């Protein structure tokens, strides 16, 4: 087995875009914005003021790069799995869930425990990771 199997970069880009857009929906006014901001002990006005003073282009590019990295690593691992067995959308969803359970959930929970922030904040953040991993897993498994 080749250490760097061929991956579908178009699928990786699409999965990264899905992760990126989901983050925008998740953390802005559409899904959890107000609750997420409140759980951090801030107001919407404070959040807006911070966003106004932040370098938003760098933040958005960084968010996309991390989404791309997540999708690339998942595609790499799925390619290795594909050499062993046929992979479909269900396998992709399960793979995304296992990646979340093994990597994102425990490491972010350990960080959350020591940060002293409310567990509900961790639940919002880790739920985003779970949904994005599952969606990316499906895309990458089906579109290899």
N, C-alpha and C. Protein backbone atom coordinates (compact mmCIF):
# COMPACT_ATOMS: atom_id res chain seq x y z
N UNK A 1 0.84 -1.18 0.00
CA UNK A 1 0.00 0.00 0.00
C UNK A 1 0.89 1.24 0.00
N UNK A 2 0.58 2.17 -0.84
CA UNK A 2 1.36 3.42 -0.97
C UNK A 2 1.09 4.32 0.23
N UNK A 3 2.12 4.93 0.82
CA UNK A 3 1.92 5.77 2.00
C UNK A 3 1.07 7.01 1.72
N UNK A 4 1.07 7.50 0.49
CA UNK A 4 0.25 8.64 0.12
C UNK A 4 -0.63 8.26 -1.06
N UNK A 5 -1.79 7.67 -0.76
CA UNK A 5 -2.67 7.23 -1.83
C UNK A 5 -3.26 8.43 -2.57
N UNK A 6 -3.70 8.19 -3.78
CA UNK A 6 -4.34 9.24 -4.58
C UNK A 6 -5.65 9.63 -3.92
N UNK A 7 -5.90 10.92 -3.87
CA UNK A 7 -7.15 11.44 -3.33
C UNK A 7 -7.79 12.36 -4.36
N UNK A 8 -9.07 12.56 -4.24
CA UNK A 8 -9.83 13.41 -5.15
C UNK A 8 -9.82 14.84 -4.57
N UNK A 9 -8.98 15.70 -5.13
CA UNK A 9 -8.86 17.05 -4.59
C UNK A 9 -10.10 17.89 -4.82
N UNK A 10 -10.86 17.62 -5.86
CA UNK A 10 -12.11 18.35 -6.05
C UNK A 10 -13.09 17.99 -4.93
N UNK A 11 -13.16 16.72 -4.57
CA UNK A 11 -14.02 16.30 -3.45
C UNK A 11 -13.54 16.93 -2.15
N UNK A 12 -12.23 17.02 -1.97
CA UNK A 12 -11.68 17.63 -0.76
C UNK A 12 -12.07 19.11 -0.70
N UNK A 13 -11.97 19.80 -1.82
CA UNK A 13 -12.34 21.22 -1.85
C UNK A 13 -13.84 21.38 -1.55
N UNK A 14 -14.67 20.54 -2.15
CA UNK A 14 -16.11 20.61 -1.88
C UNK A 14 -16.40 20.32 -0.41
N UNK A 15 -15.77 19.30 0.15
CA UNK A 15 -15.96 18.99 1.57
C UNK A 15 -15.51 20.16 2.45
N UNK A 16 -14.39 20.78 2.10
CA UNK A 16 -13.90 21.94 2.85
C UNK A 16 -14.88 23.10 2.76
N UNK A 17 -15.44 23.33 1.59
CA UNK A 17 -16.44 24.39 1.43
C UNK A 17 -17.67 24.10 2.29
N UNK A 18 -18.11 22.85 2.31
CA UNK A 18 -19.26 22.46 3.13
C UNK A 18 -18.96 22.71 4.61
N UNK A 19 -17.78 22.30 5.07
CA UNK A 19 -17.39 22.53 6.46
C UNK A 19 -17.37 24.03 6.76
N UNK A 20 -16.79 24.82 5.87
CA UNK A 20 -16.69 26.26 6.04
C UNK A 20 -18.07 26.92 6.09
N UNK A 21 -18.93 26.56 5.16
CA UNK A 21 -20.29 27.15 5.13
C UNK A 21 -21.08 26.72 6.36
N UNK A 22 -20.96 25.46 6.75
CA UNK A 22 -21.65 24.99 7.95
C UNK A 22 -21.20 25.80 9.16
N UNK A 23 -19.92 26.10 9.26
CA UNK A 23 -19.43 26.93 10.37
C UNK A 23 -20.07 28.30 10.36
N UNK A 24 -20.21 28.88 9.17
CA UNK A 24 -20.87 30.17 9.07
C UNK A 24 -22.31 30.10 9.53
N UNK A 25 -23.01 29.06 9.13
CA UNK A 25 -24.41 28.90 9.54
C UNK A 25 -24.52 28.62 11.04
N UNK A 26 -23.61 27.80 11.54
CA UNK A 26 -23.64 27.34 12.92
C UNK A 26 -23.39 28.49 13.90
N UNK A 27 -22.41 29.31 13.59
CA UNK A 27 -21.95 30.32 14.55
C UNK A 27 -22.47 31.72 14.29
N UNK A 28 -23.16 31.92 13.21
CA UNK A 28 -23.75 33.24 12.97
C UNK A 28 -25.23 33.16 13.32
N UNK A 29 -25.98 34.14 12.97
CA UNK A 29 -27.36 34.29 13.43
C UNK A 29 -28.30 33.15 13.09
N UNK A 30 -27.90 32.24 12.26
CA UNK A 30 -28.84 31.24 11.77
C UNK A 30 -29.11 30.12 12.78
N UNK A 31 -28.08 29.60 13.44
CA UNK A 31 -28.32 28.44 14.31
C UNK A 31 -28.04 28.76 15.78
N UNK A 32 -26.77 28.92 16.16
CA UNK A 32 -26.42 29.01 17.58
C UNK A 32 -25.74 30.31 18.00
N UNK A 33 -25.72 31.32 17.17
CA UNK A 33 -24.93 32.52 17.46
C UNK A 33 -25.22 33.13 18.82
N UNK A 34 -26.47 33.45 19.08
CA UNK A 34 -26.80 34.15 20.33
C UNK A 34 -26.46 33.31 21.55
N UNK A 35 -26.79 32.04 21.52
CA UNK A 35 -26.50 31.15 22.64
C UNK A 35 -24.99 30.99 22.82
N UNK A 36 -24.27 30.82 21.71
CA UNK A 36 -22.82 30.64 21.75
C UNK A 36 -22.14 31.87 22.33
N UNK A 37 -22.57 33.06 21.90
CA UNK A 37 -22.00 34.31 22.41
C UNK A 37 -22.30 34.46 23.90
N UNK A 38 -23.55 34.21 24.30
CA UNK A 38 -23.94 34.33 25.70
C UNK A 38 -23.16 33.37 26.59
N UNK A 39 -22.95 32.14 26.13
CA UNK A 39 -22.21 31.16 26.93
C UNK A 39 -20.74 31.55 27.11
N UNK A 40 -20.25 32.42 26.25
CA UNK A 40 -18.89 32.93 26.42
C UNK A 40 -18.85 34.14 27.35
N UNK A 41 -20.00 34.55 27.86
CA UNK A 41 -20.08 35.68 28.77
C UNK A 41 -19.97 37.02 28.06
N UNK A 42 -20.35 37.06 26.79
CA UNK A 42 -20.28 38.30 26.02
C UNK A 42 -21.66 38.64 25.49
N UNK A 43 -21.78 39.85 24.99
CA UNK A 43 -23.02 40.29 24.36
C UNK A 43 -22.82 40.31 22.85
N UNK A 44 -23.92 40.39 22.13
CA UNK A 44 -23.85 40.48 20.67
C UNK A 44 -23.08 41.73 20.28
N UNK A 45 -23.28 42.83 21.01
CA UNK A 45 -22.57 44.07 20.71
C UNK A 45 -21.06 43.90 20.90
N UNK A 46 -20.66 43.23 21.96
CA UNK A 46 -19.23 42.97 22.18
C UNK A 46 -18.65 42.10 21.06
N UNK A 47 -19.41 41.13 20.64
CA UNK A 47 -18.97 40.24 19.56
C UNK A 47 -18.81 41.03 18.26
N UNK A 48 -19.77 41.91 17.98
CA UNK A 48 -19.68 42.73 16.77
C UNK A 48 -18.48 43.67 16.83
N UNK A 49 -18.24 44.26 18.00
CA UNK A 49 -17.10 45.17 18.15
C UNK A 49 -15.79 44.41 17.95
N UNK A 50 -15.70 43.20 18.49
CA UNK A 50 -14.50 42.40 18.31
C UNK A 50 -14.32 42.04 16.84
N UNK A 51 -15.41 41.67 16.17
CA UNK A 51 -15.33 41.32 14.74
C UNK A 51 -14.90 42.52 13.91
N UNK A 52 -15.39 43.71 14.30
CA UNK A 52 -15.04 44.92 13.55
C UNK A 52 -13.56 45.25 13.66
N UNK A 53 -12.95 44.90 14.79
CA UNK A 53 -11.53 45.21 14.98
C UNK A 53 -10.62 44.06 14.56
N UNK A 54 -11.19 42.92 14.22
CA UNK A 54 -10.39 41.75 13.85
C UNK A 54 -10.02 41.80 12.36
N UNK A 55 -9.01 41.04 12.02
CA UNK A 55 -8.62 40.91 10.61
C UNK A 55 -9.44 39.77 10.01
N UNK A 56 -10.66 40.10 9.61
CA UNK A 56 -11.61 39.08 9.14
C UNK A 56 -11.11 38.30 7.93
N UNK A 57 -10.48 38.93 6.94
CA UNK A 57 -9.99 38.11 5.82
C UNK A 57 -9.03 37.00 6.28
N UNK A 58 -8.14 37.32 7.20
CA UNK A 58 -7.20 36.31 7.70
C UNK A 58 -7.96 35.23 8.46
N UNK A 59 -8.95 35.63 9.22
CA UNK A 59 -9.73 34.65 9.98
C UNK A 59 -10.49 33.71 9.04
N UNK A 60 -11.11 34.26 7.98
CA UNK A 60 -11.85 33.43 7.05
C UNK A 60 -10.92 32.50 6.27
N UNK A 61 -9.79 33.02 5.83
CA UNK A 61 -8.83 32.17 5.11
C UNK A 61 -8.33 31.07 6.03
N UNK A 62 -8.02 31.41 7.27
CA UNK A 62 -7.55 30.42 8.24
C UNK A 62 -8.61 29.35 8.48
N UNK A 63 -9.87 29.77 8.60
CA UNK A 63 -10.96 28.81 8.80
C UNK A 63 -11.08 27.88 7.60
N UNK A 64 -10.92 28.42 6.39
CA UNK A 64 -11.00 27.56 5.21
C UNK A 64 -9.81 26.61 5.14
N UNK A 65 -8.63 27.09 5.47
CA UNK A 65 -7.44 26.23 5.45
C UNK A 65 -7.61 25.07 6.44
N UNK A 66 -8.14 25.36 7.63
CA UNK A 66 -8.34 24.27 8.59
C UNK A 66 -9.41 23.29 8.09
N UNK A 67 -10.45 23.80 7.43
CA UNK A 67 -11.47 22.92 6.85
C UNK A 67 -10.85 22.05 5.76
N UNK A 68 -10.00 22.66 4.93
CA UNK A 68 -9.32 21.90 3.87
C UNK A 68 -8.43 20.82 4.48
N UNK A 69 -7.69 21.16 5.52
CA UNK A 69 -6.80 20.19 6.17
C UNK A 69 -7.61 19.03 6.74
N UNK A 70 -8.72 19.33 7.39
CA UNK A 70 -9.59 18.28 7.92
C UNK A 70 -10.06 17.36 6.79
N UNK A 71 -10.54 17.96 5.70
CA UNK A 71 -11.04 17.17 4.57
C UNK A 71 -9.92 16.35 3.93
N UNK A 72 -8.73 16.93 3.79
CA UNK A 72 -7.62 16.21 3.18
C UNK A 72 -7.23 14.99 4.02
N UNK A 73 -7.12 15.18 5.32
CA UNK A 73 -6.74 14.05 6.19
C UNK A 73 -7.81 12.97 6.14
N UNK A 74 -9.07 13.38 6.17
CA UNK A 74 -10.14 12.38 6.09
C UNK A 74 -10.09 11.65 4.75
N UNK A 75 -9.85 12.37 3.65
CA UNK A 75 -9.75 11.73 2.33
C UNK A 75 -8.58 10.75 2.29
N UNK A 76 -7.48 11.14 2.88
CA UNK A 76 -6.29 10.29 2.95
C UNK A 76 -6.62 8.98 3.69
N UNK A 77 -7.28 9.10 4.84
CA UNK A 77 -7.62 7.91 5.61
C UNK A 77 -8.67 7.05 4.90
N UNK A 78 -9.64 7.70 4.27
CA UNK A 78 -10.66 6.96 3.52
C UNK A 78 -10.01 6.23 2.34
N UNK A 79 -9.04 6.85 1.68
CA UNK A 79 -8.35 6.19 0.58
C UNK A 79 -7.65 4.92 1.07
N UNK A 80 -7.06 4.99 2.25
CA UNK A 80 -6.44 3.79 2.82
C UNK A 80 -7.50 2.73 3.12
N UNK A 81 -8.64 3.15 3.66
CA UNK A 81 -9.71 2.20 3.96
C UNK A 81 -10.27 1.60 2.67
N UNK A 82 -10.36 2.41 1.63
CA UNK A 82 -10.90 1.95 0.36
C UNK A 82 -10.08 0.85 -0.28
N UNK A 83 -8.81 0.80 0.07
CA UNK A 83 -7.96 -0.27 -0.45
C UNK A 83 -8.34 -1.61 0.18
N UNK A 84 -9.03 -1.54 1.32
CA UNK A 84 -9.40 -2.74 2.04
C UNK A 84 -10.82 -3.20 1.70
N UNK A 85 -11.73 -2.23 1.58
CA UNK A 85 -13.13 -2.56 1.36
C UNK A 85 -13.82 -1.47 0.55
N UNK A 86 -14.97 -1.78 0.00
CA UNK A 86 -15.78 -0.79 -0.72
C UNK A 86 -16.41 0.16 0.30
N UNK A 87 -16.40 1.44 0.02
CA UNK A 87 -16.91 2.44 0.95
C UNK A 87 -18.09 3.17 0.30
N UNK A 88 -19.17 3.34 1.07
CA UNK A 88 -20.35 4.06 0.58
C UNK A 88 -20.67 5.22 1.53
N UNK A 89 -21.81 5.89 1.31
CA UNK A 89 -22.19 7.05 2.12
C UNK A 89 -22.35 6.68 3.59
N UNK A 90 -22.93 5.53 3.87
CA UNK A 90 -23.08 5.09 5.26
C UNK A 90 -21.73 4.91 5.95
N UNK A 91 -20.79 4.31 5.22
CA UNK A 91 -19.44 4.16 5.77
C UNK A 91 -18.80 5.53 6.00
N UNK A 92 -19.03 6.45 5.06
CA UNK A 92 -18.49 7.80 5.20
C UNK A 92 -19.03 8.50 6.43
N UNK A 93 -20.34 8.37 6.67
CA UNK A 93 -20.95 8.97 7.86
C UNK A 93 -20.39 8.34 9.13
N UNK A 94 -20.25 7.01 9.11
CA UNK A 94 -19.69 6.33 10.27
C UNK A 94 -18.23 6.73 10.48
N UNK A 95 -17.49 6.84 9.40
CA UNK A 95 -16.09 7.25 9.48
C UNK A 95 -15.97 8.66 10.09
N UNK A 96 -16.82 9.58 9.61
CA UNK A 96 -16.82 10.93 10.17
C UNK A 96 -17.15 10.93 11.66
N UNK A 97 -18.12 10.10 12.04
CA UNK A 97 -18.49 9.99 13.46
C UNK A 97 -17.35 9.43 14.30
N UNK A 98 -16.66 8.44 13.76
CA UNK A 98 -15.54 7.84 14.49
C UNK A 98 -14.39 8.83 14.61
N UNK A 99 -14.12 9.58 13.54
CA UNK A 99 -13.07 10.61 13.62
C UNK A 99 -13.42 11.63 14.68
N UNK A 100 -14.69 12.04 14.72
CA UNK A 100 -15.13 13.00 15.74
C UNK A 100 -14.96 12.40 17.13
N UNK A 101 -15.44 11.16 17.31
CA UNK A 101 -15.38 10.51 18.62
C UNK A 101 -13.95 10.28 19.08
N UNK A 102 -13.07 9.95 18.16
CA UNK A 102 -11.70 9.63 18.53
C UNK A 102 -10.76 10.83 18.62
N UNK A 103 -11.05 11.89 17.86
CA UNK A 103 -10.11 13.01 17.80
C UNK A 103 -10.72 14.32 18.32
N UNK A 104 -11.78 14.78 17.68
CA UNK A 104 -12.31 16.12 18.00
C UNK A 104 -13.00 16.17 19.37
N UNK A 105 -13.89 15.24 19.64
CA UNK A 105 -14.66 15.29 20.89
C UNK A 105 -13.77 15.20 22.14
N UNK A 106 -12.90 14.20 22.24
CA UNK A 106 -12.12 14.11 23.48
C UNK A 106 -11.10 15.23 23.66
N UNK A 107 -10.46 15.65 22.58
CA UNK A 107 -9.46 16.72 22.75
C UNK A 107 -10.13 18.05 23.08
N UNK A 108 -11.26 18.33 22.42
CA UNK A 108 -11.95 19.59 22.72
C UNK A 108 -12.58 19.53 24.11
N UNK A 109 -13.02 18.37 24.54
CA UNK A 109 -13.60 18.25 25.88
C UNK A 109 -12.54 18.47 26.95
N UNK A 110 -11.36 17.90 26.74
CA UNK A 110 -10.27 18.12 27.71
C UNK A 110 -9.94 19.61 27.81
N UNK A 111 -9.91 20.29 26.68
CA UNK A 111 -9.67 21.73 26.67
C UNK A 111 -10.80 22.46 27.40
N UNK A 112 -12.04 22.06 27.13
CA UNK A 112 -13.20 22.70 27.75
C UNK A 112 -13.20 22.54 29.27
N UNK A 113 -12.80 21.37 29.74
CA UNK A 113 -12.77 21.13 31.18
C UNK A 113 -11.86 22.14 31.88
N UNK A 114 -10.69 22.37 31.31
CA UNK A 114 -9.72 23.26 31.94
C UNK A 114 -9.98 24.74 31.66
N UNK A 115 -10.81 25.04 30.66
CA UNK A 115 -11.09 26.45 30.34
C UNK A 115 -12.08 27.06 31.31
N UNK A 116 -12.85 26.22 31.99
CA UNK A 116 -13.84 26.73 32.92
C UNK A 116 -15.09 27.26 32.24
N UNK A 117 -15.20 27.05 30.95
CA UNK A 117 -16.38 27.53 30.22
C UNK A 117 -17.52 26.52 30.37
N UNK A 118 -18.75 26.97 30.18
CA UNK A 118 -19.90 26.08 30.34
C UNK A 118 -19.85 24.88 29.39
N UNK A 119 -20.32 23.75 29.88
CA UNK A 119 -20.34 22.54 29.04
C UNK A 119 -21.26 22.71 27.83
N UNK A 120 -22.27 23.57 27.94
CA UNK A 120 -23.14 23.82 26.79
C UNK A 120 -22.36 24.44 25.64
N UNK A 121 -21.35 25.25 25.96
CA UNK A 121 -20.51 25.85 24.92
C UNK A 121 -19.75 24.75 24.20
N UNK A 122 -19.21 23.80 24.96
CA UNK A 122 -18.53 22.66 24.34
C UNK A 122 -19.50 21.86 23.46
N UNK A 123 -20.74 21.69 23.94
CA UNK A 123 -21.71 20.94 23.15
C UNK A 123 -22.01 21.61 21.81
N UNK A 124 -22.11 22.93 21.81
CA UNK A 124 -22.33 23.64 20.54
C UNK A 124 -21.15 23.44 19.62
N UNK A 125 -19.94 23.64 20.16
CA UNK A 125 -18.73 23.51 19.34
C UNK A 125 -18.53 22.09 18.83
N UNK A 126 -18.68 21.11 19.71
CA UNK A 126 -18.42 19.73 19.29
C UNK A 126 -19.52 19.19 18.39
N UNK A 127 -20.72 19.70 18.54
CA UNK A 127 -21.80 19.30 17.62
C UNK A 127 -21.49 19.79 16.21
N UNK A 128 -20.94 20.99 16.11
CA UNK A 128 -20.51 21.49 14.79
C UNK A 128 -19.45 20.55 14.20
N UNK A 129 -18.49 20.15 15.03
CA UNK A 129 -17.46 19.23 14.54
C UNK A 129 -18.08 17.91 14.09
N UNK A 130 -18.99 17.38 14.86
CA UNK A 130 -19.63 16.11 14.50
C UNK A 130 -20.35 16.22 13.16
N UNK A 131 -21.18 17.23 13.00
CA UNK A 131 -21.94 17.37 11.76
C UNK A 131 -21.00 17.60 10.58
N UNK A 132 -19.97 18.43 10.77
CA UNK A 132 -19.05 18.70 9.66
C UNK A 132 -18.24 17.45 9.30
N UNK A 133 -17.82 16.68 10.29
CA UNK A 133 -17.08 15.45 10.01
C UNK A 133 -17.96 14.44 9.28
N UNK A 134 -19.21 14.31 9.70
CA UNK A 134 -20.12 13.37 9.06
C UNK A 134 -20.37 13.78 7.61
N UNK A 135 -20.66 15.06 7.38
CA UNK A 135 -20.90 15.52 6.01
C UNK A 135 -19.66 15.34 5.13
N UNK A 136 -18.50 15.70 5.67
CA UNK A 136 -17.26 15.52 4.90
C UNK A 136 -17.00 14.05 4.63
N UNK A 137 -17.24 13.20 5.63
CA UNK A 137 -17.06 11.76 5.44
C UNK A 137 -17.93 11.21 4.33
N UNK A 138 -19.18 11.67 4.28
CA UNK A 138 -20.09 11.22 3.22
C UNK A 138 -19.59 11.67 1.86
N UNK A 139 -19.25 12.95 1.75
CA UNK A 139 -18.77 13.49 0.46
C UNK A 139 -17.53 12.74 0.00
N UNK A 140 -16.59 12.56 0.90
CA UNK A 140 -15.31 11.96 0.53
C UNK A 140 -15.41 10.46 0.25
N UNK A 141 -16.33 9.79 0.93
CA UNK A 141 -16.50 8.35 0.69
C UNK A 141 -17.20 8.09 -0.64
N UNK A 142 -18.18 8.90 -0.95
CA UNK A 142 -18.95 8.70 -2.17
C UNK A 142 -18.19 9.18 -3.40
N UNK A 143 -17.45 10.26 -3.25
CA UNK A 143 -16.80 10.92 -4.39
C UNK A 143 -15.30 10.71 -4.32
N UNK A 144 -14.88 9.45 -4.42
CA UNK A 144 -13.45 9.13 -4.36
C UNK A 144 -12.92 9.09 -5.75
